[in-house]
């Protein structure tokens, strides 16, 4: 793990897990701190333009991990009641035994070697195993290692070196893995089934469970391997006197995958997704403000259009009145034309009558003139000049 950046070496975990239900094959899984991984990934220069894609991939990882956790096969029920961890002292450096009273902590069995913390301090190692936590089975007596349970009621045993040796040294030691194989083989034969569900080794911050912050964790913590027991193993071993320390250890071992995706989601993804949502809400708010301005402008335009429509309605009404008046004028004109036509007809009839009268008068005059002329001619012929003159007079 030396090639990992410092941020990813702050806390990580190696797990040895079975590949199948018969435990014939095993795999090694490296579990990094997802939050540190996410921060490191986001800092890479060649990915800076794809921050949104990173967030999406991280969310996909959380979803896939959750599906994997949901699909894990159910764990067999352990028949014993859960041991109450409150009866043990939780003070760092205390032996966690029942003898701890009124702040007088049990300190026998401490490692005592000077260790280096991340903050530069060098306190003494407080790792130790008190009598009631030790597995006292004779076939589990190893010259370099102790086997014990932890103060919490998890279904696991702990393999730790008698001397102060950190995990990164134990991982490379063949004797460590030979001892683990012996534990696994001996337990499985004892219960006539596979006794272990996995082996886990923590490093960095995860290795020093008692550290309150990142500056307090030990750089060379006293090594210890977590060996997760099956329920069959707990149920069987609890009836053996030399294994009485295992009684009541029925709680499932902590699932770091579940814990890790929860931290990634709470500490990184949800804040990022919330910031995106708030950004989108800000855009929606801006759109709403623009829409309100548009609606206000539209209202003004509508009011202006309403005034224009009212004016048009008045103009149309006036036009209708003008058309009505025009229709009346046309009707009057038509009546006048009809009267004029009648007058013309009467005038024509009068002219015709006048012409007839003139013609009659002319005929009468002409007839009378002819008669008078004839009379004159007759008188001339009769030489009655006197009568002719008188007649002419």
Foldseek 3Di string as FASTA:
>chain_A
DVPDPPLFQQKKKWKWAAPDPQSPDIDIDIGTQVQSVLVVVCPDPVCVVPNVVSLVVLVVVLVVLVVVVVPDDDADAFDFAADDLVCFDPDQLAQRDNPCDPNPGHRPAALQCWFAFLLGDTGGGSDGHDDLFFQQDPLLDDPFWTWGPDSHLAQWIKIFGSHQFAPVVLVPDPVNVVSVVSVQVVLCVQLVGGFFRMKMWMGRPVNQVPDPDNRGTTNRHGGMMITHTGSSSLNRQCVPPSSVSNGNSRHHPDDVSVVSSVCCCVVPNVVVVVVVVVVVVVVVVVVVVVVVVVVVVVVVVVVVVVVVVVVVVVVVVVVVVVVVVVVVVVVVVVVVVVVVVVVVVVVVVVVVVVVVVVVVVVVVVVVVVVVLVVVLVVCVVVPVVVVNVVSVD
